[in-house]
Amino acid sequence: MVHGALAIPGKTDGDEVVFTEDEISKTGLDYLALGHWHSAIEGRAGNVTYAYCGAPEPVALDQDGAGQVRSHISTTKAAPHQVSIEPSAFGQTRARSSSWT
């Protein structure tokens, strides 16, 4: 588990804890739970699956995917382990961005 920002040049330069997908892939983990971002994001770096679950409720209108938990995580028994993540709705507030034309 890490509380920090996945490196995005020009966006995360000022964050205190920043890491790269290359660093994630070298951990040797099956799954890495991430915290810090308020949006829900999932990804894969090498053989490592990682996910930000997002905030329990939206804290800003520009942060999609809040109000979820990642509650069903499973791995296969054979190496390399495959991780399956299923998001589950948790929060009560919904926000969706739209553009007015």
C-alpha atoms as a PDB file:
ATOM      1  CA  MET A   1       0.000   0.000   0.000  1.00  0.00           C
ATOM      2  CA  VAL A   2       1.292   3.456  -0.930  1.00  0.00           C
ATOM      3  CA  HIS A   3      -0.168   6.904  -0.354  1.00  0.00           C
ATOM      4  CA  GLY A   4       1.227   9.008  -3.181  1.00  0.00           C
ATOM      5  CA  ALA A   5       0.970  10.061  -6.805  1.00  0.00           C
ATOM      6  CA  LEU A   6       1.706   8.078  -9.919  1.00  0.00           C
ATOM      7  CA  ALA A   7       4.157  10.278 -11.847  1.00  0.00           C
ATOM      8  CA  ILE A   8       2.623  12.509 -14.504  1.00  0.00           C
ATOM      9  CA  PRO A   9       5.202  15.059 -15.732  1.00  0.00           C
ATOM     10  CA  GLY A  10       3.962  18.600 -15.223  1.00  0.00           C
ATOM     11  CA  LYS A  11       1.116  17.512 -12.926  1.00  0.00           C
ATOM     12  CA  THR A  12       2.640  15.644  -9.980  1.00  0.00           C
ATOM     13  CA  ASP A  13       5.993  17.473  -9.754  1.00  0.00           C
ATOM     14  CA  GLY A  14       4.960  19.218  -6.527  1.00  0.00           C
ATOM     15  CA  ASP A  15       3.593  16.126  -4.758  1.00  0.00           C
ATOM     16  CA  GLU A  16       5.613  14.833  -1.811  1.00  0.00           C
ATOM     17  CA  VAL A  17       5.478  11.125  -2.714  1.00  0.00           C
ATOM     18  CA  VAL A  18       5.760  10.389  -6.431  1.00  0.00           C
ATOM     19  CA  PHE A  19       6.479   7.014  -8.030  1.00  0.00           C
ATOM     20  CA  THR A  20       6.599   5.652 -11.573  1.00  0.00           C
ATOM     21  CA  GLU A  21       5.044   2.632 -13.255  1.00  0.00           C
ATOM     22  CA  ASP A  22       8.586   1.299 -13.646  1.00  0.00           C
ATOM     23  CA  GLU A  23       9.032   1.413  -9.862  1.00  0.00           C
ATOM     24  CA  ILE A  24       5.675  -0.328  -9.391  1.00  0.00           C
ATOM     25  CA  SER A  25       6.654  -3.087 -11.824  1.00  0.00           C
ATOM     26  CA  LYS A  26       9.887  -3.755  -9.902  1.00  0.00           C
ATOM     27  CA  THR A  27       8.107  -4.374  -6.579  1.00  0.00           C
ATOM     28  CA  GLY A  28       7.391  -8.016  -7.333  1.00  0.00           C
ATOM     29  CA  LEU A  29       3.883  -7.613  -5.905  1.00  0.00           C
ATOM     30  CA  ASP A  30       0.711  -9.081  -7.355  1.00  0.00           C
ATOM     31  CA  TYR A  31      -1.357  -6.046  -6.327  1.00  0.00           C
ATOM     32  CA  LEU A  32      -0.559  -2.552  -5.051  1.00  0.00           C
ATOM     33  CA  ALA A  33      -3.299  -0.537  -3.323  1.00  0.00           C
ATOM     34  CA  LEU A  34      -2.830   3.190  -3.842  1.00  0.00           C
ATOM     35  CA  GLY A  35      -4.234   6.181  -2.026  1.00  0.00           C
ATOM     36  CA  HIS A  36      -4.000   9.950  -2.579  1.00  0.00           C
ATOM     37  CA  TRP A  37      -6.021  10.575  -5.734  1.00  0.00           C
ATOM     38  CA  HIS A  38      -9.740  11.124  -5.298  1.00  0.00           C
ATOM     39  CA  SER A  39     -10.627   9.498  -8.634  1.00  0.00           C
ATOM     40  CA  ALA A  40     -10.812   5.743  -9.150  1.00  0.00           C
ATOM     41  CA  ILE A  41      -8.036   4.513 -11.450  1.00  0.00           C
ATOM     42  CA  GLU A  42      -6.783   1.021 -12.250  1.00  0.00           C
ATOM     43  CA  GLY A  43      -3.684  -0.002 -14.150  1.00  0.00           C
ATOM     44  CA  ARG A  44      -0.995  -2.556 -14.703  1.00  0.00           C
ATOM     45  CA  ALA A  45       2.775  -2.077 -14.585  1.00  0.00           C
ATOM     46  CA  GLY A  46       4.650  -5.191 -15.664  1.00  0.00           C
ATOM     47  CA  ASN A  47       3.062  -8.041 -13.680  1.00  0.00           C
ATOM     48  CA  VAL A  48       1.704  -5.726 -10.963  1.00  0.00           C
ATOM     49  CA  THR A  49      -1.925  -4.624 -10.927  1.00  0.00           C
ATOM     50  CA  TYR A  50      -2.505  -1.341  -9.104  1.00  0.00           C
ATOM     51  CA  ALA A  51      -5.568   0.725  -8.254  1.00  0.00           C
ATOM     52  CA  TYR A  52      -6.666   3.945  -6.632  1.00  0.00           C
ATOM     53  CA  CYS A  53     -10.135   3.331  -5.179  1.00  0.00           C
ATOM     54  CA  GLY A  54     -10.929   7.050  -5.066  1.00  0.00           C
ATOM     55  CA  ALA A  55     -12.610   9.039  -2.316  1.00  0.00           C
ATOM     56  CA  PRO A  56     -15.719   7.613  -0.594  1.00  0.00           C
ATOM     57  CA  GLU A  57     -17.682  10.615  -1.910  1.00  0.00           C
ATOM     58  CA  PRO A  58     -16.797  13.157  -4.637  1.00  0.00           C
ATOM     59  CA  VAL A  59     -14.724  16.044  -3.288  1.00  0.00           C
ATOM     60  CA  ALA A  60     -14.486  17.988  -6.572  1.00  0.00           C
ATOM     61  CA  LEU A  61     -16.553  18.036  -9.760  1.00  0.00           C
ATOM     62  CA  ASP A  62     -13.534  17.289 -11.959  1.00  0.00           C
ATOM     63  CA  GLN A  63     -12.670  14.019 -10.189  1.00  0.00           C
ATOM     64  CA  ASP A  64     -14.524  11.178 -11.852  1.00  0.00           C
ATOM     65  CA  GLY A  65     -14.971   7.780 -10.244  1.00  0.00           C
ATOM     66  CA  ALA A  66     -15.281   8.717  -6.579  1.00  0.00           C
ATOM     67  CA  GLY A  67     -17.709   6.816  -4.355  1.00  0.00           C
ATOM     68  CA  GLN A  68     -16.392   3.327  -5.064  1.00  0.00           C
ATOM     69  CA  VAL A  69     -14.453   0.632  -3.265  1.00  0.00           C
ATOM     70  CA  ARG A  70     -12.353  -2.142  -4.759  1.00  0.00           C
ATOM     71  CA  SER A  71     -13.774  -4.984  -2.733  1.00  0.00           C
ATOM     72  CA  HIS A  72     -13.302  -8.130  -4.797  1.00  0.00           C
ATOM     73  CA  ILE A  73      -9.660  -8.866  -5.407  1.00  0.00           C
ATOM     74  CA  SER A  74      -8.606 -12.356  -6.358  1.00  0.00           C
ATOM     75  CA  THR A  75      -5.500 -13.987  -7.753  1.00  0.00           C
ATOM     76  CA  THR A  76      -4.919 -17.213  -9.588  1.00  0.00           C
ATOM     77  CA  LYS A  77      -2.860 -19.883  -7.818  1.00  0.00           C
ATOM     78  CA  ALA A  78      -0.328 -20.256 -10.632  1.00  0.00           C
ATOM     79  CA  ALA A  79       2.491 -17.730 -11.038  1.00  0.00           C
ATOM     80  CA  PRO A  80       2.444 -15.089 -12.335  1.00  0.00           C
ATOM     81  CA  HIS A  81      -0.684 -14.304 -10.354  1.00  0.00           C
ATOM     82  CA  GLN A  82      -3.497 -12.542 -12.139  1.00  0.00           C
ATOM     83  CA  VAL A  83      -5.461 -10.029 -10.104  1.00  0.00           C
ATOM     84  CA  SER A  84      -9.104  -9.276 -10.843  1.00  0.00           C
ATOM     85  CA  ILE A  85     -10.607  -6.096  -9.410  1.00  0.00           C
ATOM     86  CA  GLU A  86     -14.321  -5.375  -9.297  1.00  0.00           C
ATOM     87  CA  PRO A  87     -15.431  -1.877  -8.295  1.00  0.00           C
ATOM     88  CA  SER A  88     -18.455  -1.637  -6.023  1.00  0.00           C
ATOM     89  CA  ALA A  89     -20.547   1.495  -5.556  1.00  0.00           C
ATOM     90  CA  PHE A  90     -20.196   2.912  -2.061  1.00  0.00           C
ATOM     91  CA  GLY A  91     -20.942   6.637  -2.012  1.00  0.00           C
ATOM     92  CA  GLN A  92     -24.352   8.249  -2.206  1.00  0.00           C
ATOM     93  CA  THR A  93     -23.428  11.391  -4.210  1.00  0.00           C
ATOM     94  CA  ARG A  94     -22.939  11.274  -7.983  1.00  0.00           C
ATOM     95  CA  ALA A  95     -21.243  13.849 -10.189  1.00  0.00           C
ATOM     96  CA  ARG A  96     -20.846  13.609 -13.921  1.00  0.00           C
ATOM     97  CA  SER A  97     -19.065  16.116 -16.127  1.00  0.00           C
ATOM     98  CA  SER A  98     -20.816  17.410 -19.223  1.00  0.00           C
ATOM     99  CA  SER A  99     -20.175  20.126 -21.739  1.00  0.00           C
ATOM    100  CA  TRP A 100     -22.662  22.748 -22.812  1.00  0.00           C
ATOM    101  CA  THR A 101     -22.589  23.447 -26.526  1.00  0.00           C
END
